[in-house]
Amino acid sequence: ATARSVLTMELLTNHVPCDRWKQCGVSGDVLALRLNHFHLRCIFLRGLFHCDLHPGNIFFDPHDEGRMALLDFGLIGEISENE
């Protein structure tokens, strides 16, 4: 819910925290590949990276292994072409 200290941008239905992947029967290999793909695309195509990724900020849909949701973009790093 949106409150003074929380801004709700989108409701995630059917998504569970990343640390529950084993209980949901989801392939850890698939989740790792999806997350790695996200990072590489952000870094090499946009020059950005998420600085606060931990299981509480990574959610996935156990019914669609390819669908992930990342939360808390309050700390983002930027890489210039010169770096």
Protein backbone atom coordinates (compact mmCIF):
# COMPACT_ATOMS: atom_id res chain seq x y z
CA ALA A 1 0.00 0.00 0.00
CA THR A 2 1.10 3.57 -0.59
CA ALA A 3 1.85 5.57 2.56
CA ARG A 4 4.01 8.53 3.53
CA SER A 5 7.17 6.39 3.44
CA VAL A 6 6.18 3.80 0.79
CA LEU A 7 5.29 4.41 -2.84
CA THR A 8 3.51 1.51 -4.53
CA MET A 9 4.12 1.51 -8.26
CA GLU A 10 2.70 -1.88 -9.26
CA LEU A 11 0.93 -4.79 -7.61
CA LEU A 12 2.79 -8.06 -8.09
CA THR A 13 0.45 -11.02 -8.11
CA ASN A 14 1.72 -14.60 -7.89
CA HIS A 15 5.28 -13.40 -7.23
CA VAL A 16 7.25 -14.80 -4.30
CA PRO A 17 10.62 -13.75 -2.82
CA CYS A 18 13.66 -15.25 -4.52
CA ASP A 19 14.72 -17.19 -1.43
CA ARG A 20 11.65 -19.46 -1.77
CA TRP A 21 12.58 -20.91 -5.16
CA LYS A 22 13.24 -24.41 -3.77
CA GLN A 23 9.87 -24.61 -2.00
CA CYS A 24 8.13 -23.61 -5.25
CA GLY A 25 9.92 -26.23 -7.33
CA VAL A 26 11.52 -23.65 -9.63
CA SER A 27 14.87 -24.34 -11.26
CA GLY A 28 17.71 -22.45 -9.59
CA ASP A 29 19.60 -22.59 -12.88
CA VAL A 30 16.78 -20.79 -14.68
CA LEU A 31 16.56 -18.09 -12.01
CA ALA A 32 20.34 -17.60 -12.07
CA LEU A 33 20.35 -17.27 -15.86
CA ARG A 34 17.48 -14.78 -15.82
CA LEU A 35 19.14 -12.64 -13.15
CA ASN A 36 22.50 -12.79 -14.92
CA HIS A 37 20.83 -11.78 -18.20
CA PHE A 38 19.20 -8.82 -16.46
CA HIS A 39 22.55 -7.64 -15.02
CA LEU A 40 24.44 -7.97 -18.27
CA ARG A 41 21.79 -6.13 -20.27
CA CYS A 42 21.66 -3.30 -17.72
CA ILE A 43 25.42 -2.91 -17.59
CA PHE A 44 26.33 -3.31 -21.25
CA LEU A 45 23.27 -1.78 -22.90
CA ARG A 46 22.34 0.93 -20.39
CA GLY A 47 25.47 1.47 -18.30
CA LEU A 48 23.51 0.95 -15.06
CA PHE A 49 23.55 -1.58 -12.25
CA HIS A 50 21.35 -2.30 -9.22
CA CYS A 51 23.38 -1.76 -6.03
CA ASP A 52 21.08 -3.49 -3.54
CA LEU A 53 20.20 -6.92 -4.88
CA HIS A 54 19.40 -9.47 -2.21
CA PRO A 55 16.64 -12.10 -1.96
CA GLY A 56 14.21 -9.56 -0.46
CA ASN A 57 14.48 -7.39 -3.59
CA ILE A 58 14.17 -10.20 -6.14
CA PHE A 59 10.78 -11.78 -6.73
CA PHE A 60 9.71 -14.36 -9.28
CA ASP A 61 6.52 -15.91 -10.58
CA PRO A 62 6.62 -19.67 -9.80
CA HIS A 63 4.15 -20.27 -12.64
CA ASP A 64 6.35 -18.51 -15.21
CA GLU A 65 10.06 -19.05 -14.53
CA GLY A 66 11.02 -16.34 -16.98
CA ARG A 67 9.16 -13.59 -15.17
CA MET A 68 11.07 -11.78 -12.44
CA ALA A 69 10.46 -8.55 -10.58
CA LEU A 70 13.23 -6.50 -9.00
CA LEU A 71 12.42 -4.06 -6.21
CA ASP A 72 14.06 -1.07 -4.56
CA PHE A 73 15.85 0.93 -7.22
CA GLY A 74 16.85 3.55 -4.66
CA LEU A 75 20.54 2.86 -5.20
CA ILE A 76 21.67 2.55 -8.82
CA GLY A 77 25.22 2.74 -10.11
CA GLU A 78 26.26 4.13 -13.46
CA ILE A 79 29.18 3.09 -15.66
CA SER A 80 30.38 5.43 -18.37
CA GLU A 81 31.83 4.24 -21.66
CA ASN A 82 35.29 5.30 -20.44
CA GLU A 83 35.20 3.00 -17.37
